[in-house]
PDB file of N, CA and C in Angstrom:
ATOM      1  N   VAL A   1       0.856  -1.187   0.000  1.00  0.00           N
ATOM      2  CA  VAL A   1       0.000   0.000   0.000  1.00  0.00           C
ATOM      3  C   VAL A   1       0.891   1.235   0.000  1.00  0.00           C
ATOM      4  N   GLN A   2       0.598   2.179  -0.881  1.00  0.00           N
ATOM      5  CA  GLN A   2       1.304   3.454  -0.906  1.00  0.00           C
ATOM      6  C   GLN A   2       0.337   4.546  -0.500  1.00  0.00           C
ATOM      7  N   LEU A   3       0.845   5.475   0.302  1.00  0.00           N
ATOM      8  CA  LEU A   3       0.041   6.590   0.774  1.00  0.00           C
ATOM      9  C   LEU A   3       0.545   7.875   0.146  1.00  0.00           C
ATOM     10  N   GLN A   4      -0.379   8.674  -0.344  1.00  0.00           N
ATOM     11  CA  GLN A   4      -0.039   9.951  -0.966  1.00  0.00           C
ATOM     12  C   GLN A   4      -0.696  11.066  -0.167  1.00  0.00           C
ATOM     13  N   ALA A   5       0.123  11.870   0.498  1.00  0.00           N
ATOM     14  CA  ALA A   5      -0.383  13.001   1.277  1.00  0.00           C
ATOM     15  C   ALA A   5      -0.302  14.266   0.442  1.00  0.00           C
ATOM     16  N   SER A   6      -1.288  15.112   0.592  1.00  0.00           N
ATOM     17  CA  SER A   6      -1.314  16.373  -0.143  1.00  0.00           C
ATOM     18  C   SER A   6      -2.125  17.397   0.634  1.00  0.00           C
ATOM     19  N   GLY A   7      -2.076  18.653   0.157  1.00  0.00           N
ATOM     20  CA  GLY A   7      -2.897  19.691   0.744  1.00  0.00           C
ATOM     21  C   GLY A   7      -2.162  20.680   1.613  1.00  0.00           C
ATOM     22  N   GLY A   8      -0.897  20.461   1.846  1.00  0.00           N
ATOM     23  CA  GLY A   8      -0.141  21.405   2.659  1.00  0.00           C
ATOM     24  C   GLY A   8       0.079  22.713   1.934  1.00  0.00           C
ATOM     25  N   GLY A   9       0.613  23.690   2.671  1.00  0.00           N
ATOM     26  CA  GLY A   9       0.866  24.972   2.062  1.00  0.00           C
ATOM     27  C   GLY A   9       1.188  26.018   3.102  1.00  0.00           C
ATOM     28  N   LEU A  10       1.194  27.264   2.646  1.00  0.00           N
ATOM     29  CA  LEU A  10       1.464  28.409   3.507  1.00  0.00           C
ATOM     30  C   LEU A  10       0.151  29.114   3.817  1.00  0.00           C
ATOM     31  N   VAL A  11      -0.097  29.342   5.093  1.00  0.00           N
ATOM     32  CA  VAL A  11      -1.340  29.982   5.498  1.00  0.00           C
ATOM     33  C   VAL A  11      -1.052  30.929   6.655  1.00  0.00           C
ATOM     34  N   GLN A  12      -1.878  31.940   6.802  1.00  0.00           N
ATOM     35  CA  GLN A  12      -1.703  32.874   7.905  1.00  0.00           C
ATOM     36  C   GLN A  12      -2.341  32.334   9.179  1.00  0.00           C
ATOM     37  N   VAL A  13      -1.932  32.884  10.298  1.00  0.00           N
ATOM     38  CA  VAL A  13      -2.522  32.509  11.580  1.00  0.00           C
ATOM     39  C   VAL A  13      -4.034  32.668  11.514  1.00  0.00           C
ATOM     40  N   GLY A  14      -4.728  31.670  12.014  1.00  0.00           N
ATOM     41  CA  GLY A  14      -6.182  31.688  11.995  1.00  0.00           C
ATOM     42  C   GLY A  14      -6.787  31.101  10.744  1.00  0.00           C
ATOM     43  N   GLY A  15      -5.951  30.789   9.764  1.00  0.00           N
ATOM     44  CA  GLY A  15      -6.448  30.228   8.517  1.00  0.00           C
ATOM     45  C   GLY A  15      -6.721  28.741   8.602  1.00  0.00           C
ATOM     46  N   SER A  16      -7.083  28.173   7.455  1.00  0.00           N
ATOM     47  CA  SER A  16      -7.458  26.756   7.395  1.00  0.00           C
ATOM     48  C   SER A  16      -6.769  26.059   6.229  1.00  0.00           C
ATOM     49  N   LEU A  17      -6.565  24.790   6.395  1.00  0.00           N
ATOM     50  CA  LEU A  17      -6.079  23.920   5.329  1.00  0.00           C
ATOM     51  C   LEU A  17      -6.755  22.564   5.491  1.00  0.00           C
ATOM     52  N   ARG A  18      -6.858  21.845   4.381  1.00  0.00           N
ATOM     53  CA  ARG A  18      -7.348  20.470   4.458  1.00  0.00           C
ATOM     54  C   ARG A  18      -6.321  19.546   3.822  1.00  0.00           C
ATOM     55  N   LEU A  19      -5.808  18.644   4.616  1.00  0.00           N
ATOM     56  CA  LEU A  19      -4.867  17.648   4.127  1.00  0.00           C
ATOM     57  C   LEU A  19      -5.625  16.404   3.670  1.00  0.00           C
ATOM     58  N   SER A  20      -5.071  15.752   2.653  1.00  0.00           N
ATOM     59  CA  SER A  20      -5.652  14.501   2.159  1.00  0.00           C
ATOM     60  C   SER A  20      -4.600  13.410   2.182  1.00  0.00           C
ATOM     61  N   CYS A  21      -5.042  12.217   2.439  1.00  0.00           N
ATOM     62  CA  CYS A  21      -4.162  11.046   2.400  1.00  0.00           C
ATOM     63  C   CYS A  21      -4.902   9.973   1.615  1.00  0.00           C
ATOM     64  N   ALA A  22      -4.393   9.675   0.437  1.00  0.00           N
ATOM     65  CA  ALA A  22      -5.029   8.695  -0.437  1.00  0.00           C
ATOM     66  C   ALA A  22      -4.187   7.431  -0.512  1.00  0.00           C
ATOM     67  N   ALA A  23      -4.852   6.305  -0.544  1.00  0.00           N
ATOM     68  CA  ALA A  23      -4.158   5.018  -0.627  1.00  0.00           C
ATOM     69  C   ALA A  23      -4.202   4.491  -2.050  1.00  0.00           C
ATOM     70  N   SER A  24      -3.091   3.911  -2.474  1.00  0.00           N
ATOM     71  CA  SER A  24      -3.047   3.229  -3.761  1.00  0.00           C
ATOM     72  C   SER A  24      -2.394   1.868  -3.572  1.00  0.00           C
ATOM     73  N   GLY A  25      -2.739   0.955  -4.431  1.00  0.00           N
ATOM     74  CA  GLY A  25      -2.188  -0.380  -4.305  1.00  0.00           C
ATOM     75  C   GLY A  25      -2.828  -1.187  -3.204  1.00  0.00           C
ATOM     76  N   GLY A  26      -3.937  -0.716  -2.712  1.00  0.00           N
ATOM     77  CA  GLY A  26      -4.639  -1.404  -1.636  1.00  0.00           C
ATOM     78  C   GLY A  26      -5.712  -0.503  -1.087  1.00  0.00           C
ATOM     79  N   THR A  27      -6.422  -0.995  -0.118  1.00  0.00           N
ATOM     80  CA  THR A  27      -7.465  -0.192   0.513  1.00  0.00           C
ATOM     81  C   THR A  27      -7.149   0.001   1.979  1.00  0.00           C
ATOM     82  N   PHE A  28      -7.724   1.050   2.534  1.00  0.00           N
ATOM     83  CA  PHE A  28      -7.518   1.311   3.945  1.00  0.00           C
ATOM     84  C   PHE A  28      -8.221   0.246   4.784  1.00  0.00           C
ATOM     85  N   SER A  29      -7.596  -0.067   5.903  1.00  0.00           N
ATOM     86  CA  SER A  29      -8.195  -0.888   6.938  1.00  0.00           C
ATOM     87  C   SER A  29      -7.468  -0.522   8.224  1.00  0.00           C
ATOM     88  N   GLY A  30      -7.886  -1.043   9.346  1.00  0.00           N
ATOM     89  CA  GLY A  30      -7.192  -0.707  10.581  1.00  0.00           C
ATOM     90  C   GLY A  30      -7.389   0.749  10.964  1.00  0.00           C
ATOM     91  N   THR A  31      -6.299   1.447  11.207  1.00  0.00           N
ATOM     92  CA  THR A  31      -6.329   2.835  11.661  1.00  0.00           C
ATOM     93  C   THR A  31      -5.515   3.709  10.711  1.00  0.00           C
ATOM     94  N   VAL A  32      -6.070   4.850  10.378  1.00  0.00           N
ATOM     95  CA  VAL A  32      -5.375   5.808   9.526  1.00  0.00           C
ATOM     96  C   VAL A  32      -5.243   7.109  10.302  1.00  0.00           C
ATOM     97  N   GLY A  33      -4.080   7.708  10.241  1.00  0.00           N
ATOM     98  CA  GLY A  33      -3.903   8.915  11.034  1.00  0.00           C
ATOM     99  C   GLY A  33      -2.841   9.835  10.501  1.00  0.00           C
ATOM    100  N   TRP A  34      -2.563  10.838  11.316  1.00  0.00           N
ATOM    101  CA  TRP A  34      -1.587  11.860  10.961  1.00  0.00           C
ATOM    102  C   TRP A  34      -0.626  12.076  12.125  1.00  0.00           C
ATOM    103  N   PHE A  35       0.639  12.206  11.784  1.00  0.00           N
ATOM    104  CA  PHE A  35       1.674  12.658  12.681  1.00  0.00           C
ATOM    105  C   PHE A  35       2.270  13.920  12.076  1.00  0.00           C
ATOM    106  N   ARG A  36       3.005  14.650  12.861  1.00  0.00           N
ATOM    107  CA  ARG A  36       3.700  15.821  12.325  1.00  0.00           C
ATOM    108  C   ARG A  36       5.072  15.938  12.974  1.00  0.00           C
ATOM    109  N   GLN A  37       5.964  16.602  12.257  1.00  0.00           N
ATOM    110  CA  GLN A  37       7.313  16.800  12.772  1.00  0.00           C
ATOM    111  C   GLN A  37       7.783  18.202  12.432  1.00  0.00           C
ATOM    112  N   ALA A  38       8.021  18.975  13.474  1.00  0.00           N
ATOM    113  CA  ALA A  38       8.550  20.328  13.318  1.00  0.00           C
ATOM    114  C   ALA A  38      10.070  20.258  13.330  1.00  0.00           C
ATOM    115  N   PRO A  39      10.733  21.265  12.767  1.00  0.00           N
ATOM    116  CA  PRO A  39      12.200  21.264  12.737  1.00  0.00           C
ATOM    117  C   PRO A  39      12.795  21.126  14.130  1.00  0.00           C
ATOM    118  N   GLY A  40      13.700  20.186  14.289  1.00  0.00           N
ATOM    119  CA  GLY A  40      14.372  20.007  15.566  1.00  0.00           C
ATOM    120  C   GLY A  40      13.561  19.288  16.618  1.00  0.00           C
ATOM    121  N   LYS A  41      12.386  18.815  16.249  1.00  0.00           N
ATOM    122  CA  LYS A  41      11.526  18.136  17.222  1.00  0.00           C
ATOM    123  C   LYS A  41      11.214  16.720  16.770  1.00  0.00           C
ATOM    124  N   ASP A  42      10.768  15.924  17.726  1.00  0.00           N
ATOM    125  CA  ASP A  42      10.370  14.562  17.410  1.00  0.00           C
ATOM    126  C   ASP A  42       9.034  14.561  16.677  1.00  0.00           C
ATOM    127  N   ARG A  43       8.828  13.489  15.931  1.00  0.00           N
ATOM    128  CA  ARG A  43       7.530  13.327  15.286  1.00  0.00           C
ATOM    129  C   ARG A  43       6.470  13.083  16.364  1.00  0.00           C
ATOM    130  N   GLU A  44       5.325  13.751  16.233  1.00  0.00           N
ATOM    131  CA  GLU A  44       4.290  13.618  17.254  1.00  0.00           C
ATOM    132  C   GLU A  44       2.941  13.278  16.636  1.00  0.00           C
ATOM    133  N   PHE A  45       2.143  12.583  17.428  1.00  0.00           N
ATOM    134  CA  PHE A  45       0.806  12.193  17.010  1.00  0.00           C
ATOM    135  C   PHE A  45      -0.098  13.410  16.905  1.00  0.00           C
ATOM    136  N   VAL A  46      -0.930  13.421  15.874  1.00  0.00           N
ATOM    137  CA  VAL A  46      -1.913  14.486  15.696  1.00  0.00           C
ATOM    138  C   VAL A  46      -3.337  13.954  15.839  1.00  0.00           C
ATOM    139  N   SER A  47      -3.660  12.947  15.042  1.00  0.00           N
ATOM    140  CA  SER A  47      -5.032  12.439  15.038  1.00  0.00           C
ATOM    141  C   SER A  47      -5.074  11.110  14.294  1.00  0.00           C
ATOM    142  N   ASN A  48      -6.080  10.287  14.620  1.00  0.00           N
ATOM    143  CA  ASN A  48      -6.323   9.110  13.798  1.00  0.00           C
ATOM    144  C   ASN A  48      -7.787   8.727  13.822  1.00  0.00           C
ATOM    145  N   ILE A  49      -8.124   7.845  12.897  1.00  0.00           N
ATOM    146  CA  ILE A  49      -9.501   7.383  12.760  1.00  0.00           C
ATOM    147  C   ILE A  49      -9.485   5.879  12.527  1.00  0.00           C
ATOM    148  N   SER A  50     -10.389   5.208  13.203  1.00  0.00           N
ATOM    149  CA  SER A  50     -10.575   3.782  12.977  1.00  0.00           C
ATOM    150  C   SER A  50     -11.372   3.603  11.699  1.00  0.00           C
ATOM    151  N   TRP A  51     -10.765   2.955  10.706  1.00  0.00           N
ATOM    152  CA  TRP A  51     -11.406   2.911   9.395  1.00  0.00           C
ATOM    153  C   TRP A  51     -12.713   2.113   9.432  1.00  0.00           C
ATOM    154  N   GLY A  52     -12.771   1.099  10.259  1.00  0.00           N
ATOM    155  CA  GLY A  52     -13.982   0.297  10.317  1.00  0.00           C
ATOM    156  C   GLY A  52     -15.065   0.941  11.168  1.00  0.00           C
ATOM    157  N   GLY A  53     -14.705   1.377  12.373  1.00  0.00           N
ATOM    158  CA  GLY A  53     -15.703   1.882  13.292  1.00  0.00           C
ATOM    159  C   GLY A  53     -15.892   3.379  13.289  1.00  0.00           C
ATOM    160  N   GLY A  54     -14.929   4.105  12.752  1.00  0.00           N
ATOM    161  CA  GLY A  54     -15.060   5.550  12.675  1.00  0.00           C
ATOM    162  C   GLY A  54     -14.660   6.299  13.926  1.00  0.00           C
ATOM    163  N   SER A  55     -14.136   5.609  14.934  1.00  0.00           N
ATOM    164  CA  SER A  55     -13.705   6.318  16.145  1.00  0.00           C
ATOM    165  C   SER A  55     -12.527   7.232  15.812  1.00  0.00           C
ATOM    166  N   THR A  56     -12.531   8.387  16.429  1.00  0.00           N
ATOM    167  CA  THR A  56     -11.468   9.353  16.169  1.00  0.00           C
ATOM    168  C   THR A  56     -10.753   9.753  17.454  1.00  0.00           C
ATOM    169  N   TYR A  57      -9.496  10.116  17.304  1.00  0.00           N
ATOM    170  CA  TYR A  57      -8.671  10.533  18.444  1.00  0.00           C
ATOM    171  C   TYR A  57      -7.838  11.732  18.025  1.00  0.00           C
ATOM    172  N   TYR A  58      -7.590  12.607  18.982  1.00  0.00           N
ATOM    173  CA  TYR A  58      -6.854  13.826  18.699  1.00  0.00           C
ATOM    174  C   TYR A  58      -5.844  14.110  19.807  1.00  0.00           C
ATOM    175  N   ALA A  59      -4.730  14.702  19.416  1.00  0.00           N
ATOM    176  CA  ALA A  59      -3.817  15.241  20.416  1.00  0.00           C
ATOM    177  C   ALA A  59      -4.488  16.433  21.077  1.00  0.00           C
ATOM    178  N   ASP A  60      -4.170  16.652  22.346  1.00  0.00           N
ATOM    179  CA  ASP A  60      -4.787  17.771  23.064  1.00  0.00           C
ATOM    180  C   ASP A  60      -4.523  19.104  22.365  1.00  0.00           C
ATOM    181  N   SER A  61      -3.387  19.214  21.734  1.00  0.00           N
ATOM    182  CA  SER A  61      -2.995  20.483  21.123  1.00  0.00           C
ATOM    183  C   SER A  61      -3.851  20.855  19.905  1.00  0.00           C
ATOM    184  N   VAL A  62      -4.579  19.892  19.350  1.00  0.00           N
ATOM    185  CA  VAL A  62      -5.377  20.181  18.157  1.00  0.00           C
ATOM    186  C   VAL A  62      -6.872  19.973  18.372  1.00  0.00           C
ATOM    187  N   LYS A  63      -7.249  19.488  19.535  1.00  0.00           N
ATOM    188  CA  LYS A  63      -8.673  19.253  19.802  1.00  0.00           C
ATOM    189  C   LYS A  63      -9.463  20.533  19.651  1.00  0.00           C
ATOM    190  N   GLY A  64     -10.600  20.419  18.972  1.00  0.00           N
ATOM    191  CA  GLY A  64     -11.451  21.569  18.755  1.00  0.00           C
ATOM    192  C   GLY A  64     -11.077  22.395  17.540  1.00  0.00           C
ATOM    193  N   ARG A  65      -9.909  22.117  16.965  1.00  0.00           N
ATOM    194  CA  ARG A  65      -9.473  22.864  15.780  1.00  0.00           C
ATOM    195  C   ARG A  65      -9.332  21.963  14.556  1.00  0.00           C
ATOM    196  N   PHE A  66      -8.933  20.724  14.757  1.00  0.00           N
ATOM    197  CA  PHE A  66      -8.725  19.783  13.655  1.00  0.00           C
ATOM    198  C   PHE A  66      -9.836  18.737  13.662  1.00  0.00           C
ATOM    199  N   THR A  67     -10.204  18.296  12.473  1.00  0.00           N
ATOM    200  CA  THR A  67     -11.192  17.231  12.333  1.00  0.00           C
ATOM    201  C   THR A  67     -10.703  16.224  11.305  1.00  0.00           C
ATOM    202  N   ILE A  68     -10.681  14.970  11.706  1.00  0.00           N
ATOM    203  CA  ILE A  68     -10.280  13.907  10.786  1.00  0.00           C
ATOM    204  C   ILE A  68     -11.527  13.193  10.294  1.00  0.00           C
ATOM    205  N   SER A  69     -11.515  12.811   9.025  1.00  0.00           N
ATOM    206  CA  SER A  69     -12.658  12.108   8.455  1.00  0.00           C
ATOM    207  C   SER A  69     -12.173  11.192   7.336  1.00  0.00           C
ATOM    208  N   GLY A  70     -13.018  10.260   6.974  1.00  0.00           N
ATOM    209  CA  GLY A  70     -12.653   9.323   5.925  1.00  0.00           C
ATOM    210  C   GLY A  70     -13.735   9.199   4.876  1.00  0.00           C
ATOM    211  N   ASP A  71     -13.323   9.022   3.639  1.00  0.00           N
ATOM    212  CA  ASP A  71     -14.243   8.795   2.533  1.00  0.00           C
ATOM    213  C   ASP A  71     -13.925   7.411   1.985  1.00  0.00           C
ATOM    214  N   LYS A  72     -14.762   6.446   2.313  1.00  0.00           N
ATOM    215  CA  LYS A  72     -14.483   5.074   1.905  1.00  0.00           C
ATOM    216  C   LYS A  72     -14.580   4.896   0.404  1.00  0.00           C
ATOM    217  N   ALA A  73     -15.455   5.636  -0.240  1.00  0.00           N
ATOM    218  CA  ALA A  73     -15.595   5.516  -1.692  1.00  0.00           C
ATOM    219  C   ALA A  73     -14.320   5.951  -2.406  1.00  0.00           C
ATOM    220  N   LYS A  74     -13.638   6.947  -1.836  1.00  0.00           N
ATOM    221  CA  LYS A  74     -12.416   7.470  -2.443  1.00  0.00           C
ATOM    222  C   LYS A  74     -11.161   6.904  -1.797  1.00  0.00           C
ATOM    223  N   ASN A  75     -11.358   6.087  -0.754  1.00  0.00           N
ATOM    224  CA  ASN A  75     -10.207   5.522  -0.042  1.00  0.00           C
ATOM    225  C   ASN A  75      -9.235   6.620   0.380  1.00  0.00           C
ATOM    226  N   THR A  76      -9.795   7.653   0.960  1.00  0.00           N
ATOM    227  CA  THR A  76      -9.027   8.842   1.312  1.00  0.00           C
ATOM    228  C   THR A  76      -9.409   9.293   2.720  1.00  0.00           C
ATOM    229  N   VAL A  77      -8.413   9.749   3.455  1.00  0.00           N
ATOM    230  CA  VAL A  77      -8.622  10.337   4.775  1.00  0.00           C
ATOM    231  C   VAL A  77      -8.274  11.816   4.698  1.00  0.00           C
ATOM    232  N   TYR A  78      -9.071  12.625   5.356  1.00  0.00           N
ATOM    233  CA  TYR A  78      -8.863  14.068   5.348  1.00  0.00           C
ATOM    234  C   TYR A  78      -8.556  14.555   6.762  1.00  0.00           C
ATOM    235  N   LEU A  79      -7.778  15.620   6.830  1.00  0.00           N
ATOM    236  CA  LEU A  79      -7.561  16.316   8.095  1.00  0.00           C
ATOM    237  C   LEU A  79      -7.877  17.786   7.852  1.00  0.00           C
ATOM    238  N   GLN A  80      -9.032  18.201   8.343  1.00  0.00           N
ATOM    239  CA  GLN A  80      -9.420  19.603   8.240  1.00  0.00           C
ATOM    240  C   GLN A  80      -8.806  20.350   9.403  1.00  0.00           C
ATOM    241  N   MET A  81      -8.017  21.357   9.095  1.00  0.00           N
ATOM    242  CA  MET A  81      -7.297  22.105  10.128  1.00  0.00           C
ATOM    243  C   MET A  81      -7.782  23.546  10.102  1.00  0.00           C
ATOM    244  N   ASN A  82      -8.397  23.962  11.189  1.00  0.00           N
ATOM    245  CA  ASN A  82      -8.911  25.326  11.307  1.00  0.00           C
ATOM    246  C   ASN A  82      -8.178  26.070  12.411  1.00  0.00           C
ATOM    247  N   ASN A  83      -8.300  27.384  12.367  1.00  0.00           N
ATOM    248  CA  ASN A  83      -7.687  28.234  13.389  1.00  0.00           C
ATOM    249  C   ASN A  83      -6.208  27.861  13.599  1.00  0.00           C
ATOM    250  N   LEU A  84      -5.487  27.815  12.509  1.00  0.00           N
ATOM    251  CA  LEU A  84      -4.099  27.366  12.575  1.00  0.00           C
ATOM    252  C   LEU A  84      -3.222  28.350  13.327  1.00  0.00           C
ATOM    253  N   LYS A  85      -2.246  27.792  14.020  1.00  0.00           N
ATOM    254  CA  LYS A  85      -1.327  28.579  14.837  1.00  0.00           C
ATOM    255  C   LYS A  85       0.110  28.361  14.350  1.00  0.00           C
ATOM    256  N   PRO A  86       1.013  29.268  14.672  1.00  0.00           N
ATOM    257  CA  PRO A  86       2.408  29.077  14.241  1.00  0.00           C
ATOM    258  C   PRO A  86       2.993  27.743  14.721  1.00  0.00           C
ATOM    259  N   GLU A  87       2.569  27.289  15.874  1.00  0.00           N
ATOM    260  CA  GLU A  87       3.095  26.023  16.390  1.00  0.00           C
ATOM    261  C   GLU A  87       2.573  24.800  15.639  1.00  0.00           C
ATOM    262  N   ASP A  88       1.647  25.004  14.720  1.00  0.00           N
ATOM    263  CA  ASP A  88       1.198  23.904  13.864  1.00  0.00           C
ATOM    264  C   ASP A  88       2.129  23.696  12.670  1.00  0.00           C
ATOM    265  N   THR A  89       3.076  24.600  12.493  1.00  0.00           N
ATOM    266  CA  THR A  89       4.018  24.477  11.394  1.00  0.00           C
ATOM    267  C   THR A  89       4.836  23.203  11.534  1.00  0.00           C
ATOM    268  N   ALA A  90       4.804  22.374  10.505  1.00  0.00           N
ATOM    269  CA  ALA A  90       5.481  21.079  10.544  1.00  0.00           C
ATOM    270  C   ALA A  90       5.287  20.375   9.215  1.00  0.00           C
ATOM    271  N   VAL A  91       6.009  19.287   9.048  1.00  0.00           N
ATOM    272  CA  VAL A  91       5.708  18.353   7.962  1.00  0.00           C
ATOM    273  C   VAL A  91       4.712  17.351   8.521  1.00  0.00           C
ATOM    274  N   TYR A  92       3.617  17.177   7.818  1.00  0.00           N
ATOM    275  CA  TYR A  92       2.557  16.279   8.251  1.00  0.00           C
ATOM    276  C   TYR A  92       2.628  14.982   7.449  1.00  0.00           C
ATOM    277  N   TYR A  93       2.602  13.879   8.174  1.00  0.00           N
ATOM    278  CA  TYR A  93       2.703  12.554   7.573  1.00  0.00           C
ATOM    279  C   TYR A  93       1.439  11.766   7.870  1.00  0.00           C
ATOM    280  N   CYS A  94       0.925  11.105   6.863  1.00  0.00           N
ATOM    281  CA  CYS A  94      -0.174  10.186   7.137  1.00  0.00           C
ATOM    282  C   CYS A  94       0.396   8.791   7.355  1.00  0.00           C
ATOM    283  N   ILE A  95      -0.314   8.003   8.125  1.00  0.00           N
ATOM    284  CA  ILE A  95       0.138   6.668   8.486  1.00  0.00           C
ATOM    285  C   ILE A  95      -1.045   5.726   8.515  1.00  0.00           C
ATOM    286  N   LEU A  96      -0.820   4.556   7.966  1.00  0.00           N
ATOM    287  CA  LEU A  96      -1.798   3.479   8.019  1.00  0.00           C
ATOM    288  C   LEU A  96      -1.223   2.384   8.912  1.00  0.00           C
ATOM    289  N   THR A  97      -1.974   1.996   9.913  1.00  0.00           N
ATOM    290  CA  THR A  97      -1.572   0.901  10.786  1.00  0.00           C
ATOM    291  C   THR A  97      -2.569  -0.227  10.612  1.00  0.00           C
ATOM    292  N   THR A  98      -2.090  -1.338  10.098  1.00  0.00           N
ATOM    293  CA  THR A  98      -2.960  -2.466   9.851  1.00  0.00           C
ATOM    294  C   THR A  98      -2.173  -3.765   9.922  1.00  0.00           C
ATOM    295  N   ARG A  99      -2.773  -4.764  10.510  1.00  0.00           N
ATOM    296  CA  ARG A  99      -2.160  -6.095  10.623  1.00  0.00           C
ATOM    297  C   ARG A  99      -0.742  -6.020  11.181  1.00  0.00           C
ATOM    298  N   GLY A 100      -0.553  -5.164  12.165  1.00  0.00           N
ATOM    299  CA  GLY A 100       0.729  -5.067  12.830  1.00  0.00           C
ATOM    300  C   GLY A 100       1.811  -4.313  12.071  1.00  0.00           C
ATOM    301  N   ARG A 101       1.463  -3.668  10.974  1.00  0.00           N
ATOM    302  CA  ARG A 101       2.459  -2.927  10.193  1.00  0.00           C
ATOM    303  C   ARG A 101       2.049  -1.473  10.062  1.00  0.00           C
ATOM    304  N   ASN A 102       3.054  -0.610   9.933  1.00  0.00           N
ATOM    305  CA  ASN A 102       2.840   0.803   9.681  1.00  0.00           C
ATOM    306  C   ASN A 102       3.290   1.152   8.273  1.00  0.00           C
ATOM    307  N   TYR A 103       2.446   1.907   7.591  1.00  0.00           N
ATOM    308  CA  TYR A 103       2.772   2.416   6.262  1.00  0.00           C
ATOM    309  C   TYR A 103       2.717   3.936   6.348  1.00  0.00           C
ATOM    310  N   TRP A 104       3.819   4.592   5.917  1.00  0.00           N
ATOM    311  CA  TRP A 104       3.903   6.043   6.012  1.00  0.00           C
ATOM    312  C   TRP A 104       3.807   6.673   4.627  1.00  0.00           C
ATOM    313  N   GLY A 105       3.145   7.806   4.577  1.00  0.00           N
ATOM    314  CA  GLY A 105       3.155   8.633   3.391  1.00  0.00           C
ATOM    315  C   GLY A 105       4.402   9.490   3.367  1.00  0.00           C
ATOM    316  N   GLN A 106       4.563  10.297   2.324  1.00  0.00           N
ATOM    317  CA  GLN A 106       5.798  11.040   2.129  1.00  0.00           C
ATOM    318  C   GLN A 106       5.845  12.365   2.867  1.00  0.00           C
ATOM    319  N   GLY A 107       4.748  12.821   3.395  1.00  0.00           N
ATOM    320  CA  GLY A 107       4.741  14.082   4.124  1.00  0.00           C
ATOM    321  C   GLY A 107       4.359  15.265   3.267  1.00  0.00           C
ATOM    322  N   THR A 108       3.696  16.218   3.910  1.00  0.00           N
ATOM    323  CA  THR A 108       3.329  17.458   3.236  1.00  0.00           C
ATOM    324  C   THR A 108       3.583  18.615   4.202  1.00  0.00           C
ATOM    325  N   GLN A 109       4.195  19.681   3.709  1.00  0.00           N
ATOM    326  CA  GLN A 109       4.611  20.790   4.563  1.00  0.00           C
ATOM    327  C   GLN A 109       3.451  21.740   4.832  1.00  0.00           C
ATOM    328  N   VAL A 110       3.272  22.064   6.097  1.00  0.00           N
ATOM    329  CA  VAL A 110       2.315  23.081   6.518  1.00  0.00           C
ATOM    330  C   VAL A 110       3.098  24.183   7.215  1.00  0.00           C
ATOM    331  N   THR A 111       2.934  25.401   6.733  1.00  0.00           N
ATOM    332  CA  THR A 111       3.609  26.543   7.335  1.00  0.00           C
ATOM    333  C   THR A 111       2.572  27.604   7.679  1.00  0.00           C
ATOM    334  N   VAL A 112       2.568  27.993   8.953  1.00  0.00           N
ATOM    335  CA  VAL A 112       1.622  29.001   9.432  1.00  0.00           C
ATOM    336  C   VAL A 112       2.422  30.251   9.775  1.00  0.00           C
ATOM    337  N   SER A 113       2.123  31.319   9.082  1.00  0.00           N
ATOM    338  CA  SER A 113       2.857  32.564   9.289  1.00  0.00           C
ATOM    339  C   SER A 113       2.071  33.514  10.187  1.00  0.00           C
ATOM    340  N   SER A 114       2.811  34.243  11.002  1.00  0.00           N
ATOM    341  CA  SER A 114       2.153  35.168  11.951  1.00  0.00           C
ATOM    342  C   SER A 114       2.245  36.614  11.474  1.00  0.00           C
TER     343      SER A 114
END
């Protein structure tokens, strides 16, 4: 399974972006989510969704601002990011966890300017 992340860009504080993570060579199952990594920092969890049951989880730092959702027809997961802050600046990676394996996408850059 290959994951293609897209939707990053440059946005001002308070703006919005929607990231997409599309799967090719297979279909989503298990859990699909997003991590991010800012310069000089460790990669950190942002959000994920259970592909079968639809349960969602968020890091405290993004609760109330980010929403994760899935489109089964398109085999795509979205991360709607609202009220963006400078500390949200990072490379965002999508990840599929299924059958004990992790599959990572290539990352998409999000930059929030103040």
